[in-house]
Amino acid sequence: MTPEQVFREYEQGIAYKNGMGRRGLYEQNRINERFFAGDQWRGANCGDERPLVRYNIIKRIGEYKMAVVGSAPISVRYSAEGFSHTAALSQTAETVKGRLAEEGTAGWPPSSREEETAVVMSALSDYFQVTASRVRLNDLKEQVLRNAYQSGTGILYTYWDDRIRTGLYADKSRSQPIRGDIACEVLDVENVYFGDPTTDDIQSQPYILIAQRRTVGELRREARRYGRTAAEAAAIRPDEDRQYMAGDPAQGEPETGKATVLTRFWKEWNEDGSAYTVKAVKTCRGAVIRPAWELGIRLYPLAKFSWERRKGCIYGDSEITYLIPNQIAINRMMTASVWAVMMMGMPIMVVNGDVVTQPITNDPGQIIPVYGPADEVDKAIHYVKPPDFSPQFDDLSASLIVNTLNQAGVNSAVLGDITPDNTSAIIAVREAAMMPLNMIGQRFYGFMEDVARLFAEFWVTQYGHRSIKMEDSRGIWYLPFDGERYRDLILSARIQVGASSLWSENQAVRTLDNLFDRQMIDVRQYLERLPGGIIPDLGGLLRDLDKAGPPVQETGTGTTI
């Protein structure tokens, strides 16, 4: 793939996006981002004196829906196709993990391949949270959700960064450090181009392009790192090709010598079409930065979340696009209402300059000397009476706000704007209003499953033989892991969604209290099932309980253990 070929595909993708909708994808997404942020009067020639009112219903709707979809804590459970997963195997996995945590490699491996797979799948399920914490997955989820709501599509790019220091060593003398781990980046949909935009499946794409703006110095260093000559690196030149980057700030990019770099991913099949490898090449105009290389994984390293799907299009649709007319009407009516009230309270003063020669400040109590008969005084200063303002205008703007919120599925009950007189009725109304969001939530959880599969793909193909860090009730310990042994397994990822609201946490604590009071669970079972964050240093408290031994119980005939 030459730079000219890659940039031709890039220009084809730009032409497709420019033809989407009335304004094209780039301009429409810039408008959506402005309206969400509150910049809703850009380009309106209204003068500098008139107050331009903003009642940002778009942001209120969006923040509520993003919170409902993305606030629930997510955990992942991995399983391998062809291997059973029973309660007995789960218990075996926990037993082996406990032995490994205490004894290290002395407790490994278990007695059978099935037990070993159960242990590894259970360990990877726990290790997902370790990796998620390291790459700040919660923050990335928020960015993906915001991008999806504003532009219709959120994309997470997962790649292998061989510069990450793991703190592990391949030998006992600690002379061969192990480098490389998973890294993630949120991409704007404006900067991602799919080879077949009519197919809503990333893994079926003939190729994928990622466009980025990088400094020339950084690109030249990277080119030299991957074997390019000094002359080839010098061919990398800055350009002004930024009109198709995401967001308004990109258009005002400072003069720092940047160039557009394209990374192209594709699947290269063998002659009989039975197998393929995922490859990539990185190039800018007129120069190759990194020649084609194999990624080592069997999936495109991107996961996509569409807020609203469109038939025959991989790019999603944003709700903001269709809320903008309502938002403009609300802002105009409220601005007109405020201006009318201001004109009634502070009407326009007309001053006869031939009679009144001193400066007029309109301050309360100002004394204005006027000389002449009374009729001249009346003509010297007077106020213009504004036209009558119908109260129905305010009623119309308020009705439009309420109807827009209701049509968007955001009523007073879900926003907490009603008096909680009947709790059951409020909960019922709230649950009914949240039902349409279940479909968006299912798409988001499917996106998270794709992310979990990508993580597992990197673990089994890139980790090789290393110890992976585990964090659980036993504390922090390391599990010996050999990715080669599990590379041929078909791994499935299942997302488990927990309760997200404070009300759900209170209910969970109340239920645990009742179970503990009835002696249906012991202290350890009670503490382990409390919602996270309620008790600081819970792991230390559990270890102290283990050291203290079983509790002492008082009986009528004496003290027993």
Foldseek 3Di string as FASTA:
>chain_A
DDQVVVVVLVVVLQVVQCPPPDRGLFVQLQQLVCLLVPVQCPPPPPDDPFDQDADRVVVVLLVLLLCVQQQFDKFKQKDFPPADDDPVLLVLLVVLVVCCQVPNCVSDDDDDPNSNRSNVRVQLRQLVVVVCVVQVVSVLSSVQSVLCQSRQKKKKFKAKDQAAFDVFAPDPVRPHGRGIDIYMDIAHPLQKGFQQFLDQDQQPTQKMKGKDKDALVVLLVLLVVQPDDPVLSVQDFADQPQPSGHYDVSNVDDPRTIFIKMKMWGWAADDVRPDTFIWIWIDTPPHTSHGIDTRQFRGRRMFMAGQADDNRGNGGHHPSSVCSVLSVVLSVLVSVVVVVVCCQVPNDKDADCVFFVDDDDVDPPDDTDGDDDPVVVVVGMDGDHDDDDDPVSVVVSVVSSQVVCVVSLHHCLSVVNDDPPDVVVSVVSNVVSCVVSVVSSVSSQVSVQVVSVSNLRCCLRPVAWDWRWGADLQGIDTDTDGSPVCNPTDMGMDMDTHDRDPVVLVVQLVVLVVCVVVVVDDPVVSLRRRPPPPDPPSSVVVVVDVVVDDDWDADPVGTDD
